[in-house]
Amino acid sequence: MKPRTGLFAAALILLTGPAASAEVYRNVDAYGNVTFSDEPSDGAETVEVKPVTTVTLPKPQNVRETDKLREEVKREGSVYQSLTFAYPENNQAFHSGSGNIQFEVRSTPGLKEGHKYEVTLDGQPVGQTTSGTVTVSNVFRGTHNARAYIVDENGVQVKAGPAISFTVHRPSTAN
């Protein structure tokens, strides 16, 4: 009985294998109704079906290791009491004809060795520094959001400062 079971399973796999990679056909009838089928018909066109995305979940021991790393990052981040922008200030508006903005970031205490300040502008990273100053060129006029982070030597964010909003006034070419 066991050999027949194995033979049946092999036959089942062989029969279902081609079905998984079968072509799909799209047909539109005289009334505009669209139908899909795995069998070709008159006037049907072949539809390219993209492969199905699969996700492999991490092994439990890897999840535990990731949790340990997160705890370590939290401990490192707790070393810093504050992280703020010295310039620009929150809700500040200023003129910048060239659109250059010099961000000044400060933390208490100062940076640990191997750590850097990272500045994001409208959600996009624009620079990293150990000096606390990041200059961004050609910032468009209007209101923008910025945020400062402290990142470790691996680029992992260990501390996030509060987001600020500021407005840049620039001359218009239309005026």
C-alpha atoms as a PDB file:
ATOM      1  CA  MET A   1       0.000   0.000   0.000  1.00  0.00           C
ATOM      2  CA  LYS A   2       2.853   2.411   0.749  1.00  0.00           C
ATOM      3  CA  PRO A   3       4.350   2.309  -2.810  1.00  0.00           C
ATOM      4  CA  ARG A   4       0.945   3.217  -4.286  1.00  0.00           C
ATOM      5  CA  THR A   5       0.639   6.210  -1.934  1.00  0.00           C
ATOM      6  CA  GLY A   6       4.045   7.521  -3.028  1.00  0.00           C
ATOM      7  CA  LEU A   7       3.180   6.931  -6.688  1.00  0.00           C
ATOM      8  CA  PHE A   8      -0.127   8.739  -6.255  1.00  0.00           C
ATOM      9  CA  ALA A   9       1.608  11.734  -4.613  1.00  0.00           C
ATOM     10  CA  ALA A  10       4.193  11.922  -7.423  1.00  0.00           C
ATOM     11  CA  ALA A  11       1.452  11.800 -10.058  1.00  0.00           C
ATOM     12  CA  LEU A  12      -0.485  14.519  -8.251  1.00  0.00           C
ATOM     13  CA  ILE A  13       2.577  16.782  -8.143  1.00  0.00           C
ATOM     14  CA  LEU A  14       3.265  16.214 -11.853  1.00  0.00           C
ATOM     15  CA  LEU A  15      -0.342  17.014 -12.752  1.00  0.00           C
ATOM     16  CA  THR A  16      -0.606  20.169 -10.647  1.00  0.00           C
ATOM     17  CA  GLY A  17       2.853  21.518 -11.552  1.00  0.00           C
ATOM     18  CA  PRO A  18       1.974  22.610 -15.108  1.00  0.00           C
ATOM     19  CA  ALA A  19      -1.289  24.169 -13.880  1.00  0.00           C
ATOM     20  CA  ALA A  20       0.668  26.511 -11.666  1.00  0.00           C
ATOM     21  CA  SER A  21       2.550  27.861 -14.679  1.00  0.00           C
ATOM     22  CA  ALA A  22      -0.397  27.731 -17.142  1.00  0.00           C
ATOM     23  CA  GLU A  23      -1.162  30.714 -19.343  1.00  0.00           C
ATOM     24  CA  VAL A  24      -4.127  32.964 -18.687  1.00  0.00           C
ATOM     25  CA  TYR A  25      -6.328  34.229 -21.495  1.00  0.00           C
ATOM     26  CA  ARG A  26      -8.540  37.337 -21.518  1.00  0.00           C
ATOM     27  CA  ASN A  27     -11.610  37.527 -23.723  1.00  0.00           C
ATOM     28  CA  VAL A  28     -14.119  40.330 -24.257  1.00  0.00           C
ATOM     29  CA  ASP A  29     -17.521  39.307 -25.682  1.00  0.00           C
ATOM     30  CA  ALA A  30     -19.822  41.380 -27.915  1.00  0.00           C
ATOM     31  CA  TYR A  31     -21.443  42.995 -24.848  1.00  0.00           C
ATOM     32  CA  GLY A  32     -18.141  44.119 -23.346  1.00  0.00           C
ATOM     33  CA  ASN A  33     -18.050  41.444 -20.646  1.00  0.00           C
ATOM     34  CA  VAL A  34     -14.496  40.444 -19.762  1.00  0.00           C
ATOM     35  CA  THR A  35     -13.719  36.844 -18.862  1.00  0.00           C
ATOM     36  CA  PHE A  36     -10.488  35.095 -17.957  1.00  0.00           C
ATOM     37  CA  SER A  37      -9.699  31.463 -18.607  1.00  0.00           C
ATOM     38  CA  ASP A  38      -6.844  28.987 -18.675  1.00  0.00           C
ATOM     39  CA  GLU A  39      -8.071  27.735 -22.078  1.00  0.00           C
ATOM     40  CA  PRO A  40      -7.580  29.729 -25.304  1.00  0.00           C
ATOM     41  CA  SER A  41     -10.641  30.784 -27.298  1.00  0.00           C
ATOM     42  CA  ASP A  42     -11.314  32.798 -30.478  1.00  0.00           C
ATOM     43  CA  GLY A  43     -10.288  36.408 -29.998  1.00  0.00           C
ATOM     44  CA  ALA A  44      -8.684  35.782 -26.597  1.00  0.00           C
ATOM     45  CA  GLU A  45      -5.399  37.451 -25.776  1.00  0.00           C
ATOM     46  CA  THR A  46      -2.690  36.044 -23.533  1.00  0.00           C
ATOM     47  CA  VAL A  47      -2.288  37.831 -20.209  1.00  0.00           C
ATOM     48  CA  GLU A  48       1.121  37.965 -18.576  1.00  0.00           C
ATOM     49  CA  VAL A  49       0.666  37.028 -14.934  1.00  0.00           C
ATOM     50  CA  LYS A  50       3.388  38.167 -12.568  1.00  0.00           C
ATOM     51  CA  PRO A  51       4.735  35.609 -10.115  1.00  0.00           C
ATOM     52  CA  VAL A  52       3.193  35.556  -6.669  1.00  0.00           C
ATOM     53  CA  THR A  53       5.213  37.299  -3.976  1.00  0.00           C
ATOM     54  CA  THR A  54       6.053  35.077  -1.054  1.00  0.00           C
ATOM     55  CA  VAL A  55       7.289  36.113   2.349  1.00  0.00           C
ATOM     56  CA  THR A  56       9.494  33.938   4.510  1.00  0.00           C
ATOM     57  CA  LEU A  57       9.099  34.656   8.196  1.00  0.00           C
ATOM     58  CA  PRO A  58      12.242  34.868  10.321  1.00  0.00           C
ATOM     59  CA  LYS A  59      13.165  32.028  12.630  1.00  0.00           C
ATOM     60  CA  PRO A  60      12.197  32.591  16.279  1.00  0.00           C
ATOM     61  CA  GLN A  61      15.842  32.679  17.432  1.00  0.00           C
ATOM     62  CA  ASN A  62      16.550  35.494  14.925  1.00  0.00           C
ATOM     63  CA  VAL A  63      13.585  37.460  16.268  1.00  0.00           C
ATOM     64  CA  ARG A  64      14.966  37.112  19.804  1.00  0.00           C
ATOM     65  CA  GLU A  65      18.370  38.397  18.588  1.00  0.00           C
ATOM     66  CA  THR A  66      16.670  41.382  16.916  1.00  0.00           C
ATOM     67  CA  ASP A  67      14.800  42.131  20.145  1.00  0.00           C
ATOM     68  CA  LYS A  68      18.136  42.118  22.026  1.00  0.00           C
ATOM     69  CA  LEU A  69      19.573  44.599  19.501  1.00  0.00           C
ATOM     70  CA  ARG A  70      16.537  46.860  19.920  1.00  0.00           C
ATOM     71  CA  GLU A  71      16.992  46.836  23.676  1.00  0.00           C
ATOM     72  CA  GLU A  72      20.661  47.751  23.215  1.00  0.00           C
ATOM     73  CA  VAL A  73      19.695  50.659  20.934  1.00  0.00           C
ATOM     74  CA  LYS A  74      17.158  51.856  23.525  1.00  0.00           C
ATOM     75  CA  ARG A  75      19.862  51.800  26.216  1.00  0.00           C
ATOM     76  CA  GLU A  76      22.246  53.767  23.963  1.00  0.00           C
ATOM     77  CA  GLY A  77      19.501  56.282  23.166  1.00  0.00           C
ATOM     78  CA  SER A  78      18.743  56.783  26.842  1.00  0.00           C
ATOM     79  CA  VAL A  79      22.298  58.135  27.280  1.00  0.00           C
ATOM     80  CA  TYR A  80      21.134  61.307  25.497  1.00  0.00           C
ATOM     81  CA  GLN A  81      18.794  63.546  27.496  1.00  0.00           C
ATOM     82  CA  SER A  82      17.993  65.920  24.628  1.00  0.00           C
ATOM     83  CA  LEU A  83      18.427  66.410  20.896  1.00  0.00           C
ATOM     84  CA  THR A  84      17.278  69.702  19.381  1.00  0.00           C
ATOM     85  CA  PHE A  85      17.804  72.142  16.549  1.00  0.00           C
ATOM     86  CA  ALA A  86      19.640  75.316  17.531  1.00  0.00           C
ATOM     87  CA  TYR A  87      18.816  76.652  14.046  1.00  0.00           C
ATOM     88  CA  PRO A  88      16.311  76.980  12.508  1.00  0.00           C
ATOM     89  CA  GLU A  89      13.865  77.253  15.350  1.00  0.00           C
ATOM     90  CA  ASN A  90      10.427  75.667  15.228  1.00  0.00           C
ATOM     91  CA  ASN A  91       7.898  77.769  13.228  1.00  0.00           C
ATOM     92  CA  GLN A  92      10.615  80.198  12.133  1.00  0.00           C
ATOM     93  CA  ALA A  93      10.301  82.012   8.801  1.00  0.00           C
ATOM     94  CA  PHE A  94      13.335  83.506   7.079  1.00  0.00           C
ATOM     95  CA  HIS A  95      14.650  84.730   3.718  1.00  0.00           C
ATOM     96  CA  SER A  96      17.208  82.701   1.795  1.00  0.00           C
ATOM     97  CA  GLY A  97      17.863  83.989  -1.696  1.00  0.00           C
ATOM     98  CA  SER A  98      20.016  80.992  -2.639  1.00  0.00           C
ATOM     99  CA  GLY A  99      17.912  78.470  -0.745  1.00  0.00           C
ATOM    100  CA  ASN A 100      20.886  77.395   1.391  1.00  0.00           C
ATOM    101  CA  ILE A 101      20.023  76.405   4.945  1.00  0.00           C
ATOM    102  CA  GLN A 102      22.560  75.634   7.633  1.00  0.00           C
ATOM    103  CA  PHE A 103      21.024  73.322  10.226  1.00  0.00           C
ATOM    104  CA  GLU A 104      22.599  73.394  13.669  1.00  0.00           C
ATOM    105  CA  VAL A 105      21.928  70.398  15.927  1.00  0.00           C
ATOM    106  CA  ARG A 106      22.796  70.029  19.607  1.00  0.00           C
ATOM    107  CA  SER A 107      22.514  67.174  22.079  1.00  0.00           C
ATOM    108  CA  THR A 108      22.983  66.763  25.797  1.00  0.00           C
ATOM    109  CA  PRO A 109      25.432  65.203  26.412  1.00  0.00           C
ATOM    110  CA  GLY A 110      27.532  65.607  23.261  1.00  0.00           C
ATOM    111  CA  LEU A 111      27.951  62.779  20.785  1.00  0.00           C
ATOM    112  CA  LYS A 112      29.487  59.509  21.909  1.00  0.00           C
ATOM    113  CA  GLU A 113      32.390  58.237  19.823  1.00  0.00           C
ATOM    114  CA  GLY A 114      31.173  56.601  16.617  1.00  0.00           C
ATOM    115  CA  HIS A 115      27.825  58.430  16.687  1.00  0.00           C
ATOM    116  CA  LYS A 116      26.696  61.125  14.223  1.00  0.00           C
ATOM    117  CA  TYR A 117      23.879  63.611  13.875  1.00  0.00           C
ATOM    118  CA  GLU A 118      21.574  62.949  10.928  1.00  0.00           C
ATOM    119  CA  VAL A 119      19.206  65.603   9.567  1.00  0.00           C
ATOM    120  CA  THR A 120      16.125  64.836   7.506  1.00  0.00           C
ATOM    121  CA  LEU A 121      14.246  67.415   5.453  1.00  0.00           C
ATOM    122  CA  ASP A 122      10.655  66.601   4.540  1.00  0.00           C
ATOM    123  CA  GLY A 123      11.281  62.971   5.499  1.00  0.00           C
ATOM    124  CA  GLN A 124      14.433  62.542   3.384  1.00  0.00           C
ATOM    125  CA  PRO A 125      17.948  62.286   4.861  1.00  0.00           C
ATOM    126  CA  VAL A 126      20.017  65.306   3.749  1.00  0.00           C
ATOM    127  CA  GLY A 127      23.222  64.914   5.730  1.00  0.00           C
ATOM    128  CA  GLN A 128      25.203  63.455   8.598  1.00  0.00           C
ATOM    129  CA  THR A 129      27.814  65.190  10.724  1.00  0.00           C
ATOM    130  CA  THR A 130      29.769  64.939  13.935  1.00  0.00           C
ATOM    131  CA  SER A 131      30.130  68.725  14.204  1.00  0.00           C
ATOM    132  CA  GLY A 132      26.416  69.461  14.540  1.00  0.00           C
ATOM    133  CA  THR A 133      26.205  71.534  11.333  1.00  0.00           C
ATOM    134  CA  VAL A 134      24.602  70.348   8.094  1.00  0.00           C
ATOM    135  CA  THR A 135      24.201  72.691   5.108  1.00  0.00           C
ATOM    136  CA  VAL A 136      21.541  71.944   2.506  1.00  0.00           C
ATOM    137  CA  SER A 137      21.549  73.786  -0.823  1.00  0.00           C
ATOM    138  CA  ASN A 138      18.690  75.004  -2.995  1.00  0.00           C
ATOM    139  CA  VAL A 139      15.795  74.369  -0.615  1.00  0.00           C
ATOM    140  CA  PHE A 140      12.585  75.441  -2.337  1.00  0.00           C
ATOM    141  CA  ARG A 141      10.526  78.220  -0.855  1.00  0.00           C
ATOM    142  CA  GLY A 142       7.615  77.242   1.312  1.00  0.00           C
ATOM    143  CA  THR A 143       7.070  75.382   4.557  1.00  0.00           C
ATOM    144  CA  HIS A 144       9.252  72.386   5.360  1.00  0.00           C
ATOM    145  CA  ASN A 145       9.648  69.852   8.155  1.00  0.00           C
ATOM    146  CA  ALA A 146      13.007  68.787   9.584  1.00  0.00           C
ATOM    147  CA  ARG A 147      14.056  66.271  12.170  1.00  0.00           C
ATOM    148  CA  ALA A 148      17.355  65.388  13.821  1.00  0.00           C
ATOM    149  CA  TYR A 149      18.527  61.922  14.800  1.00  0.00           C
ATOM    150  CA  ILE A 150      21.586  60.439  16.414  1.00  0.00           C
ATOM    151  CA  VAL A 151      22.821  57.363  14.559  1.00  0.00           C
ATOM    152  CA  ASP A 152      25.418  54.842  15.686  1.00  0.00           C
ATOM    153  CA  GLU A 153      28.361  53.516  13.669  1.00  0.00           C
ATOM    154  CA  ASN A 154      26.003  51.066  11.892  1.00  0.00           C
ATOM    155  CA  GLY A 155      23.598  53.829  10.843  1.00  0.00           C
ATOM    156  CA  VAL A 156      20.957  52.708  13.347  1.00  0.00           C
ATOM    157  CA  GLN A 157      18.973  55.566  14.885  1.00  0.00           C
ATOM    158  CA  VAL A 158      19.505  55.604  18.643  1.00  0.00           C
ATOM    159  CA  LYS A 159      17.795  58.930  19.436  1.00  0.00           C
ATOM    160  CA  ALA A 160      15.225  61.074  17.641  1.00  0.00           C
ATOM    161  CA  GLY A 161      14.660  64.726  18.332  1.00  0.00           C
ATOM    162  CA  PRO A 162      11.319  66.500  17.936  1.00  0.00           C
ATOM    163  CA  ALA A 163      10.298  67.533  14.430  1.00  0.00           C
ATOM    164  CA  ILE A 164      10.356  71.226  13.571  1.00  0.00           C
ATOM    165  CA  SER A 165       8.579  73.219  10.885  1.00  0.00           C
ATOM    166  CA  PHE A 166      10.000  76.309   9.179  1.00  0.00           C
ATOM    167  CA  THR A 167       9.217  78.498   6.175  1.00  0.00           C
ATOM    168  CA  VAL A 168      11.723  79.618   3.550  1.00  0.00           C
ATOM    169  CA  HIS A 169      11.082  82.832   1.606  1.00  0.00           C
ATOM    170  CA  ARG A 170      12.900  83.083  -1.724  1.00  0.00           C
ATOM    171  CA  PRO A 171      12.547  85.509  -4.610  1.00  0.00           C
ATOM    172  CA  SER A 172      10.344  84.255  -7.409  1.00  0.00           C
ATOM    173  CA  THR A 173      11.449  84.264 -11.052  1.00  0.00           C
ATOM    174  CA  ALA A 174       7.860  85.173 -11.960  1.00  0.00           C
ATOM    175  CA  ASN A 175       8.040  88.534 -10.087  1.00  0.00           C
END
